[in-house]
Amino acid sequence: MACLLCHLDQRTHWYTETPRWLILDCDTCGVPMAVWRAHSEDIPEDEKSAMLAELSRIANIQLGEGCWRLDSIRRMIPDHPHWHARPPWW
């Protein structure tokens, strides 16, 4: 089976799209998430910082200023880098 994050279909709202990463609503849980487009853990620090800063900006708008936490646990797709912005109770 192909990796769902490597071959993303636009099934939810996409907020920010760059050649290397994107911020979109997770189609499983509905919260904003950041996806590194490459199926690789080799992420330049400046790109990761920019991606997570944009996820923070979107999460503050969608979930409320400071009313969320960064979740880096990969539950459904463990081998492709991605991060969720989740309410604190999640």
PDB file of N, CA and C in Angstrom:
ATOM      1  N   MET A   1       0.833  -1.185   0.000  1.00  0.00           N
ATOM      2  CA  MET A   1       0.000   0.000   0.000  1.00  0.00           C
ATOM      3  C   MET A   1       0.879   1.252   0.000  1.00  0.00           C
ATOM      4  N   ALA A   2       0.536   2.212  -0.807  1.00  0.00           N
ATOM      5  CA  ALA A   2       1.306   3.454  -0.893  1.00  0.00           C
ATOM      6  C   ALA A   2       1.068   4.303   0.356  1.00  0.00           C
ATOM      7  N   CYS A   3       2.041   5.105   0.699  1.00  0.00           N
ATOM      8  CA  CYS A   3       1.935   5.999   1.854  1.00  0.00           C
ATOM      9  C   CYS A   3       0.917   7.106   1.545  1.00  0.00           C
ATOM     10  N   LEU A   4      -0.073   7.259   2.419  1.00  0.00           N
ATOM     11  CA  LEU A   4      -1.114   8.275   2.204  1.00  0.00           C
ATOM     12  C   LEU A   4      -0.564   9.701   2.265  1.00  0.00           C
ATOM     13  N   LEU A   5       0.500   9.908   3.026  1.00  0.00           N
ATOM     14  CA  LEU A   5       1.071  11.258   3.115  1.00  0.00           C
ATOM     15  C   LEU A   5       2.001  11.574   1.950  1.00  0.00           C
ATOM     16  N   CYS A   6       2.548  10.565   1.326  1.00  0.00           N
ATOM     17  CA  CYS A   6       3.369  10.804   0.129  1.00  0.00           C
ATOM     18  C   CYS A   6       2.501  11.185  -1.065  1.00  0.00           C
ATOM     19  N   HIS A   7       1.297  10.660  -1.096  1.00  0.00           N
ATOM     20  CA  HIS A   7       0.387  10.864  -2.224  1.00  0.00           C
ATOM     21  C   HIS A   7      -0.913  11.493  -1.727  1.00  0.00           C
ATOM     22  N   LEU A   8      -0.799  12.694  -1.184  1.00  0.00           N
ATOM     23  CA  LEU A   8      -1.964  13.349  -0.589  1.00  0.00           C
ATOM     24  C   LEU A   8      -2.978  13.789  -1.632  1.00  0.00           C
ATOM     25  N   ASP A   9      -4.200  13.376  -1.418  1.00  0.00           N
ATOM     26  CA  ASP A   9      -5.327  13.913  -2.176  1.00  0.00           C
ATOM     27  C   ASP A   9      -5.878  15.073  -1.365  1.00  0.00           C
ATOM     28  N   GLN A  10      -6.383  16.073  -2.020  1.00  0.00           N
ATOM     29  CA  GLN A  10      -6.935  17.219  -1.309  1.00  0.00           C
ATOM     30  C   GLN A  10      -8.373  16.919  -0.888  1.00  0.00           C
ATOM     31  N   ARG A  11      -8.495  16.180   0.227  1.00  0.00           N
ATOM     32  CA  ARG A  11      -9.799  15.792   0.750  1.00  0.00           C
ATOM     33  C   ARG A  11     -10.283  16.730   1.851  1.00  0.00           C
ATOM     34  N   THR A  12      -9.367  17.531   2.407  1.00  0.00           N
ATOM     35  CA  THR A  12      -9.715  18.483   3.460  1.00  0.00           C
ATOM     36  C   THR A  12      -9.175  19.854   3.066  1.00  0.00           C
ATOM     37  N   HIS A  13      -9.363  20.811   3.964  1.00  0.00           N
ATOM     38  CA  HIS A  13      -8.873  22.165   3.694  1.00  0.00           C
ATOM     39  C   HIS A  13      -7.348  22.208   3.805  1.00  0.00           C
ATOM     40  N   TRP A  14      -6.712  22.781   2.795  1.00  0.00           N
ATOM     41  CA  TRP A  14      -5.266  23.021   2.830  1.00  0.00           C
ATOM     42  C   TRP A  14      -5.062  24.503   3.104  1.00  0.00           C
ATOM     43  N   TYR A  15      -4.276  24.811   4.132  1.00  0.00           N
ATOM     44  CA  TYR A  15      -4.018  26.201   4.518  1.00  0.00           C
ATOM     45  C   TYR A  15      -2.808  26.779   3.797  1.00  0.00           C
ATOM     46  N   THR A  16      -1.693  26.062   3.857  1.00  0.00           N
ATOM     47  CA  THR A  16      -0.436  26.552   3.304  1.00  0.00           C
ATOM     48  C   THR A  16       0.252  25.410   2.577  1.00  0.00           C
ATOM     49  N   GLU A  17       0.665  25.671   1.351  1.00  0.00           N
ATOM     50  CA  GLU A  17       1.343  24.647   0.558  1.00  0.00           C
ATOM     51  C   GLU A  17       2.660  25.205   0.059  1.00  0.00           C
ATOM     52  N   THR A  18       3.738  24.476   0.315  1.00  0.00           N
ATOM     53  CA  THR A  18       5.052  24.827  -0.215  1.00  0.00           C
ATOM     54  C   THR A  18       5.580  23.600  -0.959  1.00  0.00           C
ATOM     55  N   PRO A  19       6.666  23.741  -1.683  1.00  0.00           N
ATOM     56  CA  PRO A  19       7.206  22.559  -2.369  1.00  0.00           C
ATOM     57  C   PRO A  19       7.650  21.438  -1.423  1.00  0.00           C
ATOM     58  N   ARG A  20       8.006  21.776  -0.158  1.00  0.00           N
ATOM     59  CA  ARG A  20       8.563  20.766   0.744  1.00  0.00           C
ATOM     60  C   ARG A  20       7.637  20.341   1.875  1.00  0.00           C
ATOM     61  N   TRP A  21       6.624  21.137   2.192  1.00  0.00           N
ATOM     62  CA  TRP A  21       5.707  20.812   3.276  1.00  0.00           C
ATOM     63  C   TRP A  21       4.369  21.494   3.062  1.00  0.00           C
ATOM     64  N   LEU A  22       3.372  21.059   3.840  1.00  0.00           N
ATOM     65  CA  LEU A  22       2.074  21.728   3.777  1.00  0.00           C
ATOM     66  C   LEU A  22       1.369  21.639   5.120  1.00  0.00           C
ATOM     67  N   ILE A  23       0.439  22.563   5.322  1.00  0.00           N
ATOM     68  CA  ILE A  23      -0.406  22.599   6.508  1.00  0.00           C
ATOM     69  C   ILE A  23      -1.839  22.384   6.023  1.00  0.00           C
ATOM     70  N   LEU A  24      -2.523  21.414   6.608  1.00  0.00           N
ATOM     71  CA  LEU A  24      -3.870  21.067   6.189  1.00  0.00           C
ATOM     72  C   LEU A  24      -4.640  20.523   7.380  1.00  0.00           C
ATOM     73  N   ASP A  25      -5.940  20.350   7.217  1.00  0.00           N
ATOM     74  CA  ASP A  25      -6.739  19.678   8.230  1.00  0.00           C
ATOM     75  C   ASP A  25      -6.584  18.179   8.042  1.00  0.00           C
ATOM     76  N   CYS A  26      -6.291  17.488   9.126  1.00  0.00           N
ATOM     77  CA  CYS A  26      -6.162  16.034   9.097  1.00  0.00           C
ATOM     78  C   CYS A  26      -7.505  15.421   8.701  1.00  0.00           C
ATOM     79  N   ASP A  27      -7.491  14.501   7.767  1.00  0.00           N
ATOM     80  CA  ASP A  27      -8.753  13.901   7.333  1.00  0.00           C
ATOM     81  C   ASP A  27      -9.247  12.821   8.295  1.00  0.00           C
ATOM     82  N   THR A  28      -8.470  12.480   9.300  1.00  0.00           N
ATOM     83  CA  THR A  28      -8.896  11.522  10.310  1.00  0.00           C
ATOM     84  C   THR A  28      -9.482  12.219  11.541  1.00  0.00           C
ATOM     85  N   CYS A  29      -8.770  13.235  12.053  1.00  0.00           N
ATOM     86  CA  CYS A  29      -9.214  13.850  13.311  1.00  0.00           C
ATOM     87  C   CYS A  29      -9.664  15.304  13.158  1.00  0.00           C
ATOM     88  N   GLY A  30      -9.448  15.919  12.005  1.00  0.00           N
ATOM     89  CA  GLY A  30      -9.974  17.245  11.732  1.00  0.00           C
ATOM     90  C   GLY A  30      -9.184  18.416  12.263  1.00  0.00           C
ATOM     91  N   VAL A  31      -8.067  18.172  12.932  1.00  0.00           N
ATOM     92  CA  VAL A  31      -7.258  19.279  13.456  1.00  0.00           C
ATOM     93  C   VAL A  31      -6.179  19.666  12.447  1.00  0.00           C
ATOM     94  N   PRO A  32      -5.634  20.886  12.571  1.00  0.00           N
ATOM     95  CA  PRO A  32      -4.546  21.269  11.672  1.00  0.00           C
ATOM     96  C   PRO A  32      -3.326  20.367  11.860  1.00  0.00           C
ATOM     97  N   MET A  33      -2.695  20.058  10.763  1.00  0.00           N
ATOM     98  CA  MET A  33      -1.486  19.243  10.821  1.00  0.00           C
ATOM     99  C   MET A  33      -0.464  19.728   9.803  1.00  0.00           C
ATOM    100  N   ALA A  34       0.793  19.453  10.103  1.00  0.00           N
ATOM    101  CA  ALA A  34       1.899  19.748   9.198  1.00  0.00           C
ATOM    102  C   ALA A  34       2.400  18.432   8.631  1.00  0.00           C
ATOM    103  N   VAL A  35       2.663  18.418   7.332  1.00  0.00           N
ATOM    104  CA  VAL A  35       3.173  17.214   6.667  1.00  0.00           C
ATOM    105  C   VAL A  35       4.435  17.575   5.905  1.00  0.00           C
ATOM    106  N   TRP A  36       5.514  16.877   6.217  1.00  0.00           N
ATOM    107  CA  TRP A  36       6.735  16.977   5.422  1.00  0.00           C
ATOM    108  C   TRP A  36       6.508  16.117   4.185  1.00  0.00           C
ATOM    109  N   ARG A  37       6.644  16.696   3.011  1.00  0.00           N
ATOM    110  CA  ARG A  37       6.261  15.992   1.778  1.00  0.00           C
ATOM    111  C   ARG A  37       7.123  14.768   1.471  1.00  0.00           C
ATOM    112  N   ALA A  38       8.386  14.815   1.817  1.00  0.00           N
ATOM    113  CA  ALA A  38       9.282  13.686   1.528  1.00  0.00           C
ATOM    114  C   ALA A  38       9.117  12.595   2.577  1.00  0.00           C
ATOM    115  N   HIS A  39       9.225  11.380   2.137  1.00  0.00           N
ATOM    116  CA  HIS A  39       9.162  10.237   3.042  1.00  0.00           C
ATOM    117  C   HIS A  39      10.557  10.033   3.619  1.00  0.00           C
ATOM    118  N   SER A  40      10.970  11.000   4.460  1.00  0.00           N
ATOM    119  CA  SER A  40      12.328  11.008   4.989  1.00  0.00           C
ATOM    120  C   SER A  40      12.372  11.756   6.307  1.00  0.00           C
ATOM    121  N   GLU A  41      13.217  11.297   7.201  1.00  0.00           N
ATOM    122  CA  GLU A  41      13.427  11.989   8.482  1.00  0.00           C
ATOM    123  C   GLU A  41      14.488  13.076   8.361  1.00  0.00           C
ATOM    124  N   ASP A  42      15.110  13.187   7.214  1.00  0.00           N
ATOM    125  CA  ASP A  42      16.172  14.174   6.994  1.00  0.00           C
ATOM    126  C   ASP A  42      15.541  15.518   6.620  1.00  0.00           C
ATOM    127  N   ILE A  43      15.187  16.291   7.646  1.00  0.00           N
ATOM    128  CA  ILE A  43      14.496  17.566   7.450  1.00  0.00           C
ATOM    129  C   ILE A  43      15.440  18.691   7.864  1.00  0.00           C
ATOM    130  N   PRO A  44      15.778  19.598   6.955  1.00  0.00           N
ATOM    131  CA  PRO A  44      16.623  20.727   7.343  1.00  0.00           C
ATOM    132  C   PRO A  44      15.954  21.526   8.473  1.00  0.00           C
ATOM    133  N   GLU A  45      16.740  21.911   9.456  1.00  0.00           N
ATOM    134  CA  GLU A  45      16.191  22.581  10.640  1.00  0.00           C
ATOM    135  C   GLU A  45      15.441  23.862  10.299  1.00  0.00           C
ATOM    136  N   ASP A  46      15.941  24.632   9.305  1.00  0.00           N
ATOM    137  CA  ASP A  46      15.242  25.872   8.939  1.00  0.00           C
ATOM    138  C   ASP A  46      13.873  25.585   8.325  1.00  0.00           C
ATOM    139  N   GLU A  47      13.767  24.514   7.552  1.00  0.00           N
ATOM    140  CA  GLU A  47      12.478  24.129   6.964  1.00  0.00           C
ATOM    141  C   GLU A  47      11.512  23.632   8.039  1.00  0.00           C
ATOM    142  N   LYS A  48      12.034  22.822   8.966  1.00  0.00           N
ATOM    143  CA  LYS A  48      11.179  22.314  10.047  1.00  0.00           C
ATOM    144  C   LYS A  48      10.677  23.464  10.911  1.00  0.00           C
ATOM    145  N   SER A  49      11.537  24.416  11.214  1.00  0.00           N
ATOM    146  CA  SER A  49      11.138  25.576  12.020  1.00  0.00           C
ATOM    147  C   SER A  49      10.063  26.390  11.316  1.00  0.00           C
ATOM    148  N   ALA A  50      10.227  26.621  10.023  1.00  0.00           N
ATOM    149  CA  ALA A  50       9.243  27.384   9.259  1.00  0.00           C
ATOM    150  C   ALA A  50       7.911  26.641   9.195  1.00  0.00           C
ATOM    151  N   MET A  51       7.962  25.339   8.993  1.00  0.00           N
ATOM    152  CA  MET A  51       6.756  24.525   8.903  1.00  0.00           C
ATOM    153  C   MET A  51       6.002  24.535  10.233  1.00  0.00           C
ATOM    154  N   LEU A  52       6.704  24.338  11.335  1.00  0.00           N
ATOM    155  CA  LEU A  52       6.041  24.305  12.635  1.00  0.00           C
ATOM    156  C   LEU A  52       5.576  25.695  13.068  1.00  0.00           C
ATOM    157  N   ALA A  53       6.262  26.736  12.642  1.00  0.00           N
ATOM    158  CA  ALA A  53       5.792  28.101  12.915  1.00  0.00           C
ATOM    159  C   ALA A  53       4.484  28.363  12.180  1.00  0.00           C
ATOM    160  N   GLU A  54       4.374  27.886  10.967  1.00  0.00           N
ATOM    161  CA  GLU A  54       3.136  28.060  10.210  1.00  0.00           C
ATOM    162  C   GLU A  54       2.015  27.211  10.809  1.00  0.00           C
ATOM    163  N   LEU A  55       2.335  26.001  11.259  1.00  0.00           N
ATOM    164  CA  LEU A  55       1.333  25.189  11.949  1.00  0.00           C
ATOM    165  C   LEU A  55       0.848  25.923  13.202  1.00  0.00           C
ATOM    166  N   SER A  56       1.749  26.533  13.936  1.00  0.00           N
ATOM    167  CA  SER A  56       1.383  27.304  15.133  1.00  0.00           C
ATOM    168  C   SER A  56       0.452  28.455  14.779  1.00  0.00           C
ATOM    169  N   ARG A  57       0.768  29.168  13.727  1.00  0.00           N
ATOM    170  CA  ARG A  57      -0.064  30.294  13.302  1.00  0.00           C
ATOM    171  C   ARG A  57      -1.485  29.829  12.964  1.00  0.00           C
ATOM    172  N   ILE A  58      -1.583  28.762  12.204  1.00  0.00           N
ATOM    173  CA  ILE A  58      -2.894  28.231  11.815  1.00  0.00           C
ATOM    174  C   ILE A  58      -3.635  27.687  13.040  1.00  0.00           C
ATOM    175  N   ALA A  59      -2.936  26.970  13.908  1.00  0.00           N
ATOM    176  CA  ALA A  59      -3.573  26.407  15.104  1.00  0.00           C
ATOM    177  C   ALA A  59      -4.119  27.508  16.010  1.00  0.00           C
ATOM    178  N   ASN A  60      -3.389  28.606  16.148  1.00  0.00           N
ATOM    179  CA  ASN A  60      -3.880  29.716  16.968  1.00  0.00           C
ATOM    180  C   ASN A  60      -5.161  30.305  16.396  1.00  0.00           C
ATOM    181  N   ILE A  61      -5.269  30.335  15.095  1.00  0.00           N
ATOM    182  CA  ILE A  61      -6.484  30.843  14.449  1.00  0.00           C
ATOM    183  C   ILE A  61      -7.627  29.833  14.586  1.00  0.00           C
ATOM    184  N   GLN A  62      -7.357  28.572  14.300  1.00  0.00           N
ATOM    185  CA  GLN A  62      -8.406  27.554  14.252  1.00  0.00           C
ATOM    186  C   GLN A  62      -8.828  27.032  15.629  1.00  0.00           C
ATOM    187  N   LEU A  63      -7.875  26.921  16.553  1.00  0.00           N
ATOM    188  CA  LEU A  63      -8.151  26.308  17.851  1.00  0.00           C
ATOM    189  C   LEU A  63      -8.150  27.315  18.999  1.00  0.00           C
ATOM    190  N   GLY A  64      -7.685  28.513  18.734  1.00  0.00           N
ATOM    191  CA  GLY A  64      -7.608  29.543  19.770  1.00  0.00           C
ATOM    192  C   GLY A  64      -6.168  29.783  20.185  1.00  0.00           C
ATOM    193  N   GLU A  65      -5.835  31.030  20.396  1.00  0.00           N
ATOM    194  CA  GLU A  65      -4.470  31.430  20.769  1.00  0.00           C
ATOM    195  C   GLU A  65      -4.008  30.656  22.001  1.00  0.00           C
ATOM    196  N   GLY A  66      -3.012  29.803  21.815  1.00  0.00           N
ATOM    197  CA  GLY A  66      -2.452  29.036  22.916  1.00  0.00           C
ATOM    198  C   GLY A  66      -3.336  27.925  23.442  1.00  0.00           C
ATOM    199  N   CYS A  67      -4.429  27.628  22.779  1.00  0.00           N
ATOM    200  CA  CYS A  67      -5.381  26.591  23.237  1.00  0.00           C
ATOM    201  C   CYS A  67      -5.149  25.271  22.511  1.00  0.00           C
ATOM    202  N   TRP A  68      -3.918  24.932  22.306  1.00  0.00           N
ATOM    203  CA  TRP A  68      -3.577  23.697  21.607  1.00  0.00           C
ATOM    204  C   TRP A  68      -2.173  23.278  22.033  1.00  0.00           C
ATOM    205  N   ARG A  69      -1.812  22.059  21.668  1.00  0.00           N
ATOM    206  CA  ARG A  69      -0.453  21.551  21.915  1.00  0.00           C
ATOM    207  C   ARG A  69       0.037  20.834  20.666  1.00  0.00           C
ATOM    208  N   LEU A  70       1.331  20.812  20.493  1.00  0.00           N
ATOM    209  CA  LEU A  70       1.934  20.114  19.357  1.00  0.00           C
ATOM    210  C   LEU A  70       2.027  18.636  19.697  1.00  0.00           C
ATOM    211  N   ASP A  71       1.482  17.800  18.834  1.00  0.00           N
ATOM    212  CA  ASP A  71       1.510  16.353  19.020  1.00  0.00           C
ATOM    213  C   ASP A  71       2.358  15.748  17.909  1.00  0.00           C
ATOM    214  N   SER A  72       3.468  15.167  18.292  1.00  0.00           N
ATOM    215  CA  SER A  72       4.369  14.570  17.296  1.00  0.00           C
ATOM    216  C   SER A  72       4.264  13.044  17.261  1.00  0.00           C
ATOM    217  N   ILE A  73       3.314  12.478  18.015  1.00  0.00           N
ATOM    218  CA  ILE A  73       3.139  11.023  18.012  1.00  0.00           C
ATOM    219  C   ILE A  73       2.437  10.614  16.712  1.00  0.00           C
ATOM    220  N   ARG A  74       3.033   9.677  16.018  1.00  0.00           N
ATOM    221  CA  ARG A  74       2.494   9.211  14.736  1.00  0.00           C
ATOM    222  C   ARG A  74       1.676   7.941  14.968  1.00  0.00           C
ATOM    223  N   ARG A  75       0.388   8.098  14.989  1.00  0.00           N
ATOM    224  CA  ARG A  75      -0.484   6.968  15.308  1.00  0.00           C
ATOM    225  C   ARG A  75      -0.854   6.145  14.073  1.00  0.00           C
ATOM    226  N   MET A  76      -1.376   6.787  13.057  1.00  0.00           N
ATOM    227  CA  MET A  76      -1.909   6.073  11.882  1.00  0.00           C
ATOM    228  C   MET A  76      -0.839   5.821  10.812  1.00  0.00           C
ATOM    229  N   ILE A  77       0.078   6.763  10.658  1.00  0.00           N
ATOM    230  CA  ILE A  77       1.125   6.635   9.633  1.00  0.00           C
ATOM    231  C   ILE A  77       2.465   6.878  10.335  1.00  0.00           C
ATOM    232  N   PRO A  78       3.033   5.835  10.929  1.00  0.00           N
ATOM    233  CA  PRO A  78       4.206   6.010  11.781  1.00  0.00           C
ATOM    234  C   PRO A  78       5.523   6.310  11.066  1.00  0.00           C
ATOM    235  N   ASP A  79       5.585   6.068   9.767  1.00  0.00           N
ATOM    236  CA  ASP A  79       6.882   6.192   9.090  1.00  0.00           C
ATOM    237  C   ASP A  79       6.987   7.387   8.145  1.00  0.00           C
ATOM    238  N   HIS A  80       6.110   8.383   8.290  1.00  0.00           N
ATOM    239  CA  HIS A  80       6.189   9.592   7.472  1.00  0.00           C
ATOM    240  C   HIS A  80       6.048  10.804   8.402  1.00  0.00           C
ATOM    241  N   PRO A  81       7.007  11.744   8.369  1.00  0.00           N
ATOM    242  CA  PRO A  81       6.976  12.871   9.294  1.00  0.00           C
ATOM    243  C   PRO A  81       5.722  13.741   9.151  1.00  0.00           C
ATOM    244  N   HIS A  82       5.029  13.922  10.280  1.00  0.00           N
ATOM    245  CA  HIS A  82       3.878  14.814  10.348  1.00  0.00           C
ATOM    246  C   HIS A  82       3.588  15.143  11.811  1.00  0.00           C
ATOM    247  N   TRP A  83       2.934  16.274  12.040  1.00  0.00           N
ATOM    248  CA  TRP A  83       2.649  16.794  13.374  1.00  0.00           C
ATOM    249  C   TRP A  83       1.224  17.319  13.397  1.00  0.00           C
ATOM    250  N   HIS A  84       0.533  17.119  14.515  1.00  0.00           N
ATOM    251  CA  HIS A  84      -0.822  17.628  14.694  1.00  0.00           C
ATOM    252  C   HIS A  84      -0.822  18.735  15.741  1.00  0.00           C
ATOM    253  N   ALA A  85      -1.712  19.700  15.570  1.00  0.00           N
ATOM    254  CA  ALA A  85      -1.999  20.694  16.605  1.00  0.00           C
ATOM    255  C   ALA A  85      -3.300  20.235  17.244  1.00  0.00           C
ATOM    256  N   ARG A  86      -3.240  19.877  18.515  1.00  0.00           N
ATOM    257  CA  ARG A  86      -4.408  19.282  19.174  1.00  0.00           C
ATOM    258  C   ARG A  86      -4.843  20.133  20.375  1.00  0.00           C
ATOM    259  N   PRO A  87      -6.144  20.132  20.674  1.00  0.00           N
ATOM    260  CA  PRO A  87      -6.591  20.759  21.919  1.00  0.00           C
ATOM    261  C   PRO A  87      -5.877  20.080  23.090  1.00  0.00           C
ATOM    262  N   PRO A  88      -5.672  20.783  24.192  1.00  0.00           N
ATOM    263  CA  PRO A  88      -4.902  20.206  25.319  1.00  0.00           C
ATOM    264  C   PRO A  88      -5.510  18.935  25.892  1.00  0.00           C
ATOM    265  N   TRP A  89      -6.812  18.771  25.806  1.00  0.00           N
ATOM    266  CA  TRP A  89      -7.475  17.601  26.390  1.00  0.00           C
ATOM    267  C   TRP A  89      -7.348  16.352  25.529  1.00  0.00           C
ATOM    268  N   TRP A  90      -6.878  16.485  24.292  1.00  0.00           N
ATOM    269  CA  TRP A  90      -6.824  15.356  23.360  1.00  0.00           C
ATOM    270  C   TRP A  90      -5.806  14.336  23.806  1.00  0.00           C
TER     271      TRP A  90
END
